Amino acid sequence: MDSLSWSGDVPQLRDPILVCSFRGWNDAASAASTALGAVADAFDSELIAELDPEDYFDFQATRPTIVLSEGQARRIDWPENNLIAARVPAAERDLVLRSAWTW
């Protein structure tokens, strides 16, 4: 099985720059992942690919989280690696965002 799964056709981007955020100790209070999420929300963004977490995470060190909502069944959130294309009309280049949040 291929660890990279495209969500559709590869988009046409203008000389894209890859911007990454990582969870864990270097994502102080989720600052990096929240900032990247704000960038994705601010522009015309779309999920373009997913990377199989099995190949990239040590699940002994990075555990899934469990979300409990009143009146609902529990939900397990597994770590993710997503690639998101963000078109930035006012800039010369578009962005590819590497995120670890659920898109």
PDB file of N, CA and C in Angstrom:
ATOM      1  N   MET A   1       0.837  -1.186   0.000  1.00  0.00           N
ATOM      2  CA  MET A   1       0.000   0.000   0.000  1.00  0.00           C
ATOM      3  C   MET A   1       0.877   1.242   0.000  1.00  0.00           C
ATOM      4  N   ASP A   2       0.509   2.224  -0.804  1.00  0.00           N
ATOM      5  CA  ASP A   2       1.243   3.471  -0.912  1.00  0.00           C
ATOM      6  C   ASP A   2       0.966   4.339   0.312  1.00  0.00           C
ATOM      7  N   SER A   3       2.000   4.923   0.902  1.00  0.00           N
ATOM      8  CA  SER A   3       1.787   5.732   2.104  1.00  0.00           C
ATOM      9  C   SER A   3       1.231   7.118   1.790  1.00  0.00           C
ATOM     10  N   LEU A   4       1.302   7.540   0.523  1.00  0.00           N
ATOM     11  CA  LEU A   4       0.748   8.829   0.115  1.00  0.00           C
ATOM     12  C   LEU A   4      -0.534   8.580  -0.669  1.00  0.00           C
ATOM     13  N   SER A   5      -1.615   9.190  -0.214  1.00  0.00           N
ATOM     14  CA  SER A   5      -2.914   9.007  -0.843  1.00  0.00           C
ATOM     15  C   SER A   5      -3.427  10.366  -1.318  1.00  0.00           C
ATOM     16  N   TRP A   6      -3.474  10.557  -2.646  1.00  0.00           N
ATOM     17  CA  TRP A   6      -3.944  11.813  -3.219  1.00  0.00           C
ATOM     18  C   TRP A   6      -5.459  11.888  -3.127  1.00  0.00           C
ATOM     19  N   SER A   7      -5.991  13.045  -2.841  1.00  0.00           N
ATOM     20  CA  SER A   7      -7.436  13.248  -2.716  1.00  0.00           C
ATOM     21  C   SER A   7      -8.104  13.502  -4.058  1.00  0.00           C
ATOM     22  N   GLY A   8      -7.358  13.665  -5.081  1.00  0.00           N
ATOM     23  CA  GLY A   8      -7.887  13.942  -6.421  1.00  0.00           C
ATOM     24  C   GLY A   8      -6.719  14.288  -7.313  1.00  0.00           C
ATOM     25  N   ASP A   9      -6.981  15.116  -8.315  1.00  0.00           N
ATOM     26  CA  ASP A   9      -5.903  15.565  -9.193  1.00  0.00           C
ATOM     27  C   ASP A   9      -4.990  16.531  -8.441  1.00  0.00           C
ATOM     28  N   VAL A  10      -3.711  16.483  -8.760  1.00  0.00           N
ATOM     29  CA  VAL A  10      -2.754  17.402  -8.148  1.00  0.00           C
ATOM     30  C   VAL A  10      -3.074  18.805  -8.647  1.00  0.00           C
ATOM     31  N   PRO A  11      -3.281  19.756  -7.732  1.00  0.00           N
ATOM     32  CA  PRO A  11      -3.677  21.106  -8.166  1.00  0.00           C
ATOM     33  C   PRO A  11      -2.528  21.854  -8.830  1.00  0.00           C
ATOM     34  N   GLN A  12      -2.878  22.793  -9.663  1.00  0.00           N
ATOM     35  CA  GLN A  12      -1.895  23.668 -10.289  1.00  0.00           C
ATOM     36  C   GLN A  12      -1.622  24.828  -9.335  1.00  0.00           C
ATOM     37  N   LEU A  13      -0.429  24.849  -8.767  1.00  0.00           N
ATOM     38  CA  LEU A  13      -0.040  25.895  -7.824  1.00  0.00           C
ATOM     39  C   LEU A  13       1.103  26.705  -8.419  1.00  0.00           C
ATOM     40  N   ARG A  14       1.200  27.948  -7.981  1.00  0.00           N
ATOM     41  CA  ARG A  14       2.246  28.852  -8.457  1.00  0.00           C
ATOM     42  C   ARG A  14       3.472  28.747  -7.564  1.00  0.00           C
ATOM     43  N   ASP A  15       4.510  28.056  -8.057  1.00  0.00           N
ATOM     44  CA  ASP A  15       5.806  27.958  -7.372  1.00  0.00           C
ATOM     45  C   ASP A  15       5.623  27.782  -5.852  1.00  0.00           C
ATOM     46  N   PRO A  16       4.958  26.698  -5.402  1.00  0.00           N
ATOM     47  CA  PRO A  16       4.547  26.582  -3.998  1.00  0.00           C
ATOM     48  C   PRO A  16       5.701  26.456  -3.005  1.00  0.00           C
ATOM     49  N   ILE A  17       5.421  26.925  -1.806  1.00  0.00           N
ATOM     50  CA  ILE A  17       6.326  26.817  -0.662  1.00  0.00           C
ATOM     51  C   ILE A  17       5.673  25.862   0.334  1.00  0.00           C
ATOM     52  N   LEU A  18       6.453  24.925   0.892  1.00  0.00           N
ATOM     53  CA  LEU A  18       5.948  24.004   1.896  1.00  0.00           C
ATOM     54  C   LEU A  18       6.126  24.624   3.279  1.00  0.00           C
ATOM     55  N   VAL A  19       5.032  24.702   4.046  1.00  0.00           N
ATOM     56  CA  VAL A  19       5.057  25.215   5.417  1.00  0.00           C
ATOM     57  C   VAL A  19       4.565  24.093   6.319  1.00  0.00           C
ATOM     58  N   CYS A  20       5.341  23.764   7.346  1.00  0.00           N
ATOM     59  CA  CYS A  20       5.013  22.633   8.219  1.00  0.00           C
ATOM     60  C   CYS A  20       4.799  23.075   9.655  1.00  0.00           C
ATOM     61  N   SER A  21       3.938  22.339  10.336  1.00  0.00           N
ATOM     62  CA  SER A  21       3.828  22.476  11.791  1.00  0.00           C
ATOM     63  C   SER A  21       3.843  21.062  12.359  1.00  0.00           C
ATOM     64  N   PHE A  22       4.401  20.942  13.539  1.00  0.00           N
ATOM     65  CA  PHE A  22       4.515  19.641  14.182  1.00  0.00           C
ATOM     66  C   PHE A  22       3.950  19.731  15.588  1.00  0.00           C
ATOM     67  N   ARG A  23       3.270  18.700  16.008  1.00  0.00           N
ATOM     68  CA  ARG A  23       2.751  18.656  17.373  1.00  0.00           C
ATOM     69  C   ARG A  23       3.839  18.202  18.323  1.00  0.00           C
ATOM     70  N   GLY A  24       3.561  18.324  19.597  1.00  0.00           N
ATOM     71  CA  GLY A  24       4.518  17.867  20.596  1.00  0.00           C
ATOM     72  C   GLY A  24       5.151  19.039  21.315  1.00  0.00           C
ATOM     73  N   TRP A  25       6.316  18.804  21.902  1.00  0.00           N
ATOM     74  CA  TRP A  25       6.965  19.815  22.732  1.00  0.00           C
ATOM     75  C   TRP A  25       7.289  21.078  21.949  1.00  0.00           C
ATOM     76  N   ASN A  26       7.548  20.958  20.622  1.00  0.00           N
ATOM     77  CA  ASN A  26       7.913  22.145  19.848  1.00  0.00           C
ATOM     78  C   ASN A  26       6.706  22.946  19.360  1.00  0.00           C
ATOM     79  N   ASP A  27       5.503  22.480  19.668  1.00  0.00           N
ATOM     80  CA  ASP A  27       4.270  23.185  19.304  1.00  0.00           C
ATOM     81  C   ASP A  27       3.701  23.807  20.580  1.00  0.00           C
ATOM     82  N   ALA A  28       4.456  24.697  21.167  1.00  0.00           N
ATOM     83  CA  ALA A  28       4.118  25.276  22.472  1.00  0.00           C
ATOM     84  C   ALA A  28       2.676  25.762  22.508  1.00  0.00           C
ATOM     85  N   ALA A  29       1.877  25.141  23.353  1.00  0.00           N
ATOM     86  CA  ALA A  29       0.460  25.479  23.529  1.00  0.00           C
ATOM     87  C   ALA A  29      -0.296  25.455  22.198  1.00  0.00           C
ATOM     88  N   SER A  30       0.118  24.581  21.306  1.00  0.00           N
ATOM     89  CA  SER A  30      -0.497  24.425  19.973  1.00  0.00           C
ATOM     90  C   SER A  30      -0.366  25.676  19.114  1.00  0.00           C
ATOM     91  N   ALA A  31       0.636  26.501  19.368  1.00  0.00           N
ATOM     92  CA  ALA A  31       0.802  27.757  18.626  1.00  0.00           C
ATOM     93  C   ALA A  31       1.060  27.521  17.148  1.00  0.00           C
ATOM     94  N   ALA A  32       1.958  26.616  16.797  1.00  0.00           N
ATOM     95  CA  ALA A  32       2.295  26.387  15.391  1.00  0.00           C
ATOM     96  C   ALA A  32       1.131  25.764  14.633  1.00  0.00           C
ATOM     97  N   SER A  33       0.504  24.746  15.195  1.00  0.00           N
ATOM     98  CA  SER A  33      -0.598  24.099  14.485  1.00  0.00           C
ATOM     99  C   SER A  33      -1.821  25.012  14.403  1.00  0.00           C
ATOM    100  N   THR A  34      -2.050  25.846  15.411  1.00  0.00           N
ATOM    101  CA  THR A  34      -3.160  26.804  15.358  1.00  0.00           C
ATOM    102  C   THR A  34      -2.894  27.874  14.299  1.00  0.00           C
ATOM    103  N   ALA A  35      -1.655  28.344  14.215  1.00  0.00           N
ATOM    104  CA  ALA A  35      -1.297  29.351  13.206  1.00  0.00           C
ATOM    105  C   ALA A  35      -1.459  28.784  11.797  1.00  0.00           C
ATOM    106  N   LEU A  36      -1.031  27.546  11.594  1.00  0.00           N
ATOM    107  CA  LEU A  36      -1.179  26.941  10.275  1.00  0.00           C
ATOM    108  C   LEU A  36      -2.647  26.726   9.921  1.00  0.00           C
ATOM    109  N   GLY A  37      -3.452  26.377  10.908  1.00  0.00           N
ATOM    110  CA  GLY A  37      -4.889  26.252  10.694  1.00  0.00           C
ATOM    111  C   GLY A  37      -5.518  27.585  10.312  1.00  0.00           C
ATOM    112  N   ALA A  38      -5.044  28.664  10.932  1.00  0.00           N
ATOM    113  CA  ALA A  38      -5.558  30.002  10.602  1.00  0.00           C
ATOM    114  C   ALA A  38      -5.181  30.386   9.174  1.00  0.00           C
ATOM    115  N   VAL A  39      -3.987  30.020   8.746  1.00  0.00           N
ATOM    116  CA  VAL A  39      -3.574  30.289   7.364  1.00  0.00           C
ATOM    117  C   VAL A  39      -4.477  29.513   6.403  1.00  0.00           C
ATOM    118  N   ALA A  40      -4.732  28.244   6.698  1.00  0.00           N
ATOM    119  CA  ALA A  40      -5.602  27.425   5.840  1.00  0.00           C
ATOM    120  C   ALA A  40      -7.006  28.007   5.776  1.00  0.00           C
ATOM    121  N   ASP A  41      -7.516  28.508   6.891  1.00  0.00           N
ATOM    122  CA  ASP A  41      -8.860  29.086   6.925  1.00  0.00           C
ATOM    123  C   ASP A  41      -8.936  30.431   6.191  1.00  0.00           C
ATOM    124  N   ALA A  42      -7.821  31.162   6.161  1.00  0.00           N
ATOM    125  CA  ALA A  42      -7.813  32.501   5.578  1.00  0.00           C
ATOM    126  C   ALA A  42      -7.769  32.499   4.049  1.00  0.00           C
ATOM    127  N   PHE A  43      -7.323  31.389   3.458  1.00  0.00           N
ATOM    128  CA  PHE A  43      -7.174  31.338   2.008  1.00  0.00           C
ATOM    129  C   PHE A  43      -8.017  30.210   1.419  1.00  0.00           C
ATOM    130  N   ASP A  44      -8.079  30.179   0.105  1.00  0.00           N
ATOM    131  CA  ASP A  44      -8.788  29.125  -0.614  1.00  0.00           C
ATOM    132  C   ASP A  44      -7.966  27.843  -0.467  1.00  0.00           C
ATOM    133  N   SER A  45      -8.315  27.011   0.515  1.00  0.00           N
ATOM    134  CA  SER A  45      -7.526  25.827   0.839  1.00  0.00           C
ATOM    135  C   SER A  45      -8.300  24.557   0.558  1.00  0.00           C
ATOM    136  N   GLU A  46      -7.556  23.527   0.191  1.00  0.00           N
ATOM    137  CA  GLU A  46      -8.176  22.227  -0.042  1.00  0.00           C
ATOM    138  C   GLU A  46      -7.205  21.120   0.345  1.00  0.00           C
ATOM    139  N   LEU A  47      -7.756  20.043   0.889  1.00  0.00           N
ATOM    140  CA  LEU A  47      -6.970  18.859   1.208  1.00  0.00           C
ATOM    141  C   LEU A  47      -6.545  18.224  -0.105  1.00  0.00           C
ATOM    142  N   ILE A  48      -5.232  18.001  -0.272  1.00  0.00           N
ATOM    143  CA  ILE A  48      -4.768  17.409  -1.527  1.00  0.00           C
ATOM    144  C   ILE A  48      -4.196  16.009  -1.338  1.00  0.00           C
ATOM    145  N   ALA A  49      -3.728  15.692  -0.122  1.00  0.00           N
ATOM    146  CA  ALA A  49      -3.149  14.368   0.090  1.00  0.00           C
ATOM    147  C   ALA A  49      -3.097  14.045   1.575  1.00  0.00           C
ATOM    148  N   GLU A  50      -3.076  12.755   1.857  1.00  0.00           N
ATOM    149  CA  GLU A  50      -2.919  12.257   3.219  1.00  0.00           C
ATOM    150  C   GLU A  50      -1.765  11.266   3.232  1.00  0.00           C
ATOM    151  N   LEU A  51      -0.953  11.346   4.278  1.00  0.00           N
ATOM    152  CA  LEU A  51       0.146  10.405   4.460  1.00  0.00           C
ATOM    153  C   LEU A  51      -0.263   9.403   5.533  1.00  0.00           C
ATOM    154  N   ASP A  52      -0.079   8.131   5.256  1.00  0.00           N
ATOM    155  CA  ASP A  52      -0.437   7.087   6.205  1.00  0.00           C
ATOM    156  C   ASP A  52       0.365   7.268   7.496  1.00  0.00           C
ATOM    157  N   PRO A  53      -0.306   7.500   8.620  1.00  0.00           N
ATOM    158  CA  PRO A  53       0.428   7.748   9.868  1.00  0.00           C
ATOM    159  C   PRO A  53       1.239   6.538  10.331  1.00  0.00           C
ATOM    160  N   GLU A  54       0.879   5.359   9.902  1.00  0.00           N
ATOM    161  CA  GLU A  54       1.588   4.138  10.326  1.00  0.00           C
ATOM    162  C   GLU A  54       3.071   4.198   9.975  1.00  0.00           C
ATOM    163  N   ASP A  55       3.397   4.854   8.856  1.00  0.00           N
ATOM    164  CA  ASP A  55       4.784   4.940   8.399  1.00  0.00           C
ATOM    165  C   ASP A  55       5.578   6.064   9.063  1.00  0.00           C
ATOM    166  N   TYR A  56       4.899   6.989   9.738  1.00  0.00           N
ATOM    167  CA  TYR A  56       5.575   8.194  10.207  1.00  0.00           C
ATOM    168  C   TYR A  56       5.476   8.457  11.706  1.00  0.00           C
ATOM    169  N   PHE A  57       4.657   7.712  12.412  1.00  0.00           N
ATOM    170  CA  PHE A  57       4.493   7.942  13.846  1.00  0.00           C
ATOM    171  C   PHE A  57       4.947   6.742  14.645  1.00  0.00           C
ATOM    172  N   ASP A  58       5.577   7.008  15.766  1.00  0.00           N
ATOM    173  CA  ASP A  58       5.861   5.979  16.768  1.00  0.00           C
ATOM    174  C   ASP A  58       4.684   6.031  17.737  1.00  0.00           C
ATOM    175  N   PHE A  59       3.764   5.090  17.619  1.00  0.00           N
ATOM    176  CA  PHE A  59       2.537   5.134  18.408  1.00  0.00           C
ATOM    177  C   PHE A  59       2.765   4.820  19.888  1.00  0.00           C
ATOM    178  N   GLN A  60       4.000   4.471  20.266  1.00  0.00           N
ATOM    179  CA  GLN A  60       4.310   4.362  21.688  1.00  0.00           C
ATOM    180  C   GLN A  60       4.588   5.745  22.269  1.00  0.00           C
ATOM    181  N   ALA A  61       5.070   6.652  21.409  1.00  0.00           N
ATOM    182  CA  ALA A  61       5.376   8.012  21.857  1.00  0.00           C
ATOM    183  C   ALA A  61       4.245   8.985  21.526  1.00  0.00           C
ATOM    184  N   THR A  62       3.571   8.773  20.408  1.00  0.00           N
ATOM    185  CA  THR A  62       2.471   9.635  19.973  1.00  0.00           C
ATOM    186  C   THR A  62       1.193   8.825  20.014  1.00  0.00           C
ATOM    187  N   ARG A  63       0.442   9.016  21.061  1.00  0.00           N
ATOM    188  CA  ARG A  63      -0.763   8.221  21.276  1.00  0.00           C
ATOM    189  C   ARG A  63      -1.971   8.932  20.676  1.00  0.00           C
ATOM    190  N   PRO A  64      -2.964   8.148  20.251  1.00  0.00           N
ATOM    191  CA  PRO A  64      -4.220   8.787  19.832  1.00  0.00           C
ATOM    192  C   PRO A  64      -4.914   9.396  21.042  1.00  0.00           C
ATOM    193  N   THR A  65      -5.774  10.349  20.798  1.00  0.00           N
ATOM    194  CA  THR A  65      -6.536  10.945  21.897  1.00  0.00           C
ATOM    195  C   THR A  65      -7.981  10.472  21.796  1.00  0.00           C
ATOM    196  N   ILE A  66      -8.642  10.459  22.932  1.00  0.00           N
ATOM    197  CA  ILE A  66     -10.047  10.066  22.986  1.00  0.00           C
ATOM    198  C   ILE A  66     -10.863  11.290  23.353  1.00  0.00           C
ATOM    199  N   VAL A  67     -11.894  11.538  22.578  1.00  0.00           N
ATOM    200  CA  VAL A  67     -12.785  12.672  22.823  1.00  0.00           C
ATOM    201  C   VAL A  67     -14.107  12.117  23.326  1.00  0.00           C
ATOM    202  N   LEU A  68     -14.526  12.604  24.488  1.00  0.00           N
ATOM    203  CA  LEU A  68     -15.806  12.205  25.064  1.00  0.00           C
ATOM    204  C   LEU A  68     -16.754  13.389  25.013  1.00  0.00           C
ATOM    205  N   SER A  69     -17.886  13.197  24.368  1.00  0.00           N
ATOM    206  CA  SER A  69     -18.910  14.237  24.296  1.00  0.00           C
ATOM    207  C   SER A  69     -20.154  13.733  24.989  1.00  0.00           C
ATOM    208  N   GLU A  70     -20.770  14.602  25.764  1.00  0.00           N
ATOM    209  CA  GLU A  70     -21.959  14.207  26.511  1.00  0.00           C
ATOM    210  C   GLU A  70     -23.045  13.696  25.570  1.00  0.00           C
ATOM    211  N   GLY A  71     -23.567  12.514  25.863  1.00  0.00           N
ATOM    212  CA  GLY A  71     -24.641  11.935  25.076  1.00  0.00           C
ATOM    213  C   GLY A  71     -24.200  11.288  23.780  1.00  0.00           C
ATOM    214  N   GLN A  72     -22.893  11.227  23.525  1.00  0.00           N
ATOM    215  CA  GLN A  72     -22.387  10.626  22.295  1.00  0.00           C
ATOM    216  C   GLN A  72     -21.361   9.556  22.624  1.00  0.00           C
ATOM    217  N   ALA A  73     -21.119   8.695  21.682  1.00  0.00           N
ATOM    218  CA  ALA A  73     -20.085   7.678  21.850  1.00  0.00           C
ATOM    219  C   ALA A  73     -18.713   8.346  21.802  1.00  0.00           C
ATOM    220  N   ARG A  74     -17.740   7.705  22.377  1.00  0.00           N
ATOM    221  CA  ARG A  74     -16.392   8.273  22.336  1.00  0.00           C
ATOM    222  C   ARG A  74     -15.837   8.200  20.916  1.00  0.00           C
ATOM    223  N   ARG A  75     -14.920   9.104  20.635  1.00  0.00           N
ATOM    224  CA  ARG A  75     -14.285   9.158  19.323  1.00  0.00           C
ATOM    225  C   ARG A  75     -12.782   9.118  19.528  1.00  0.00           C
ATOM    226  N   ILE A  76     -12.102   8.302  18.766  1.00  0.00           N
ATOM    227  CA  ILE A  76     -10.646   8.212  18.839  1.00  0.00           C
ATOM    228  C   ILE A  76     -10.068   9.034  17.693  1.00  0.00           C
ATOM    229  N   ASP A  77      -9.209   9.988  18.034  1.00  0.00           N
ATOM    230  CA  ASP A  77      -8.530  10.814  17.033  1.00  0.00           C
ATOM    231  C   ASP A  77      -7.093  10.330  16.890  1.00  0.00           C
ATOM    232  N   TRP A  78      -6.793   9.720  15.754  1.00  0.00           N
ATOM    233  CA  TRP A  78      -5.448   9.236  15.464  1.00  0.00           C
ATOM    234  C   TRP A  78      -4.613  10.378  14.902  1.00  0.00           C
ATOM    235  N   PRO A  79      -3.307  10.385  15.157  1.00  0.00           N
ATOM    236  CA  PRO A  79      -2.446  11.410  14.554  1.00  0.00           C
ATOM    237  C   PRO A  79      -2.550  11.344  13.035  1.00  0.00           C
ATOM    238  N   GLU A  80      -2.485  12.495  12.403  1.00  0.00           N
ATOM    239  CA  GLU A  80      -2.609  12.577  10.955  1.00  0.00           C
ATOM    240  C   GLU A  80      -1.467  13.376  10.357  1.00  0.00           C
ATOM    241  N   ASN A  81      -1.233  13.133   9.092  1.00  0.00           N
ATOM    242  CA  ASN A  81      -0.324  13.926   8.270  1.00  0.00           C
ATOM    243  C   ASN A  81      -1.078  14.285   7.010  1.00  0.00           C
ATOM    244  N   ASN A  82      -1.465  15.538   6.875  1.00  0.00           N
ATOM    245  CA  ASN A  82      -2.226  15.979   5.706  1.00  0.00           C
ATOM    246  C   ASN A  82      -1.440  17.040   4.944  1.00  0.00           C
ATOM    247  N   LEU A  83      -1.644  17.052   3.629  1.00  0.00           N
ATOM    248  CA  LEU A  83      -1.100  18.118   2.791  1.00  0.00           C
ATOM    249  C   LEU A  83      -2.269  18.926   2.260  1.00  0.00           C
ATOM    250  N   ILE A  84      -2.193  20.231   2.464  1.00  0.00           N
ATOM    251  CA  ILE A  84      -3.277  21.135   2.102  1.00  0.00           C
ATOM    252  C   ILE A  84      -2.716  22.204   1.172  1.00  0.00           C
ATOM    253  N   ALA A  85      -3.367  22.393   0.044  1.00  0.00           N
ATOM    254  CA  ALA A  85      -2.974  23.456  -0.894  1.00  0.00           C
ATOM    255  C   ALA A  85      -3.712  24.725  -0.512  1.00  0.00           C
ATOM    256  N   ALA A  86      -2.973  25.821  -0.424  1.00  0.00           N
ATOM    257  CA  ALA A  86      -3.570  27.124  -0.114  1.00  0.00           C
ATOM    258  C   ALA A  86      -3.158  28.104  -1.205  1.00  0.00           C
ATOM    259  N   ARG A  87      -4.131  28.581  -1.942  1.00  0.00           N
ATOM    260  CA  ARG A  87      -3.868  29.567  -2.981  1.00  0.00           C
ATOM    261  C   ARG A  87      -3.900  30.961  -2.353  1.00  0.00           C
ATOM    262  N   VAL A  88      -2.831  31.719  -2.568  1.00  0.00           N
ATOM    263  CA  VAL A  88      -2.694  33.049  -1.975  1.00  0.00           C
ATOM    264  C   VAL A  88      -2.667  34.068  -3.118  1.00  0.00           C
ATOM    265  N   PRO A  89      -3.837  34.621  -3.472  1.00  0.00           N
ATOM    266  CA  PRO A  89      -3.926  35.497  -4.646  1.00  0.00           C
ATOM    267  C   PRO A  89      -3.014  36.718  -4.595  1.00  0.00           C
ATOM    268  N   ALA A  90      -2.796  37.301  -3.423  1.00  0.00           N
ATOM    269  CA  ALA A  90      -2.012  38.528  -3.324  1.00  0.00           C
ATOM    270  C   ALA A  90      -0.499  38.275  -3.321  1.00  0.00           C
ATOM    271  N   ALA A  91      -0.087  37.018  -3.304  1.00  0.00           N
ATOM    272  CA  ALA A  91       1.339  36.691  -3.271  1.00  0.00           C
ATOM    273  C   ALA A  91       1.779  36.113  -4.615  1.00  0.00           C
ATOM    274  N   GLU A  92       3.088  36.055  -4.814  1.00  0.00           N
ATOM    275  CA  GLU A  92       3.624  35.477  -6.042  1.00  0.00           C
ATOM    276  C   GLU A  92       3.616  33.953  -6.008  1.00  0.00           C
ATOM    277  N   ARG A  93       3.536  33.375  -4.798  1.00  0.00           N
ATOM    278  CA  ARG A  93       3.617  31.928  -4.649  1.00  0.00           C
ATOM    279  C   ARG A  93       2.451  31.418  -3.805  1.00  0.00           C
ATOM    280  N   ASP A  94       2.044  30.189  -4.073  1.00  0.00           N
ATOM    281  CA  ASP A  94       1.028  29.531  -3.255  1.00  0.00           C
ATOM    282  C   ASP A  94       1.714  28.702  -2.178  1.00  0.00           C
ATOM    283  N   LEU A  95       0.913  28.130  -1.290  1.00  0.00           N
ATOM    284  CA  LEU A  95       1.446  27.357  -0.172  1.00  0.00           C
ATOM    285  C   LEU A  95       0.956  25.916  -0.209  1.00  0.00           C
ATOM    286  N   VAL A  96       1.803  25.013   0.264  1.00  0.00           N
ATOM    287  CA  VAL A  96       1.393  23.657   0.606  1.00  0.00           C
ATOM    288  C   VAL A  96       1.642  23.550   2.103  1.00  0.00           C
ATOM    289  N   LEU A  97       0.581  23.262   2.845  1.00  0.00           N
ATOM    290  CA  LEU A  97       0.657  23.189   4.300  1.00  0.00           C
ATOM    291  C   LEU A  97       0.703  21.734   4.719  1.00  0.00           C
ATOM    292  N   ARG A  98       1.656  21.377   5.538  1.00  0.00           N
ATOM    293  CA  ARG A  98       1.738  20.039   6.103  1.00  0.00           C
ATOM    294  C   ARG A  98       1.184  20.141   7.510  1.00  0.00           C
ATOM    295  N   SER A  99       0.052  19.519   7.724  1.00  0.00           N
ATOM    296  CA  SER A  99      -0.613  19.669   9.010  1.00  0.00           C
ATOM    297  C   SER A  99      -0.754  18.333   9.724  1.00  0.00           C
ATOM    298  N   ALA A 100      -0.938  18.436  11.015  1.00  0.00           N
ATOM    299  CA  ALA A 100      -1.152  17.236  11.838  1.00  0.00           C
ATOM    300  C   ALA A 100      -2.539  17.285  12.472  1.00  0.00           C
ATOM    301  N   TRP A 101      -3.430  18.117  11.948  1.00  0.00           N
ATOM    302  CA  TRP A 101      -4.774  18.180  12.505  1.00  0.00           C
ATOM    303  C   TRP A 101      -5.759  17.527  11.554  1.00  0.00           C
ATOM    304  N   THR A 102      -6.930  17.228  12.058  1.00  0.00           N
ATOM    305  CA  THR A 102      -7.975  16.636  11.236  1.00  0.00           C
ATOM    306  C   THR A 102      -8.544  17.689  10.326  1.00  0.00           C
ATOM    307  N   TRP A 103      -8.517  17.433   9.043  1.00  0.00           N
ATOM    308  CA  TRP A 103      -8.993  18.405   8.064  1.00  0.00           C
ATOM    309  C   TRP A 103     -10.456  18.250   7.840  1.00  0.00           C
TER     310      TRP A 103
END
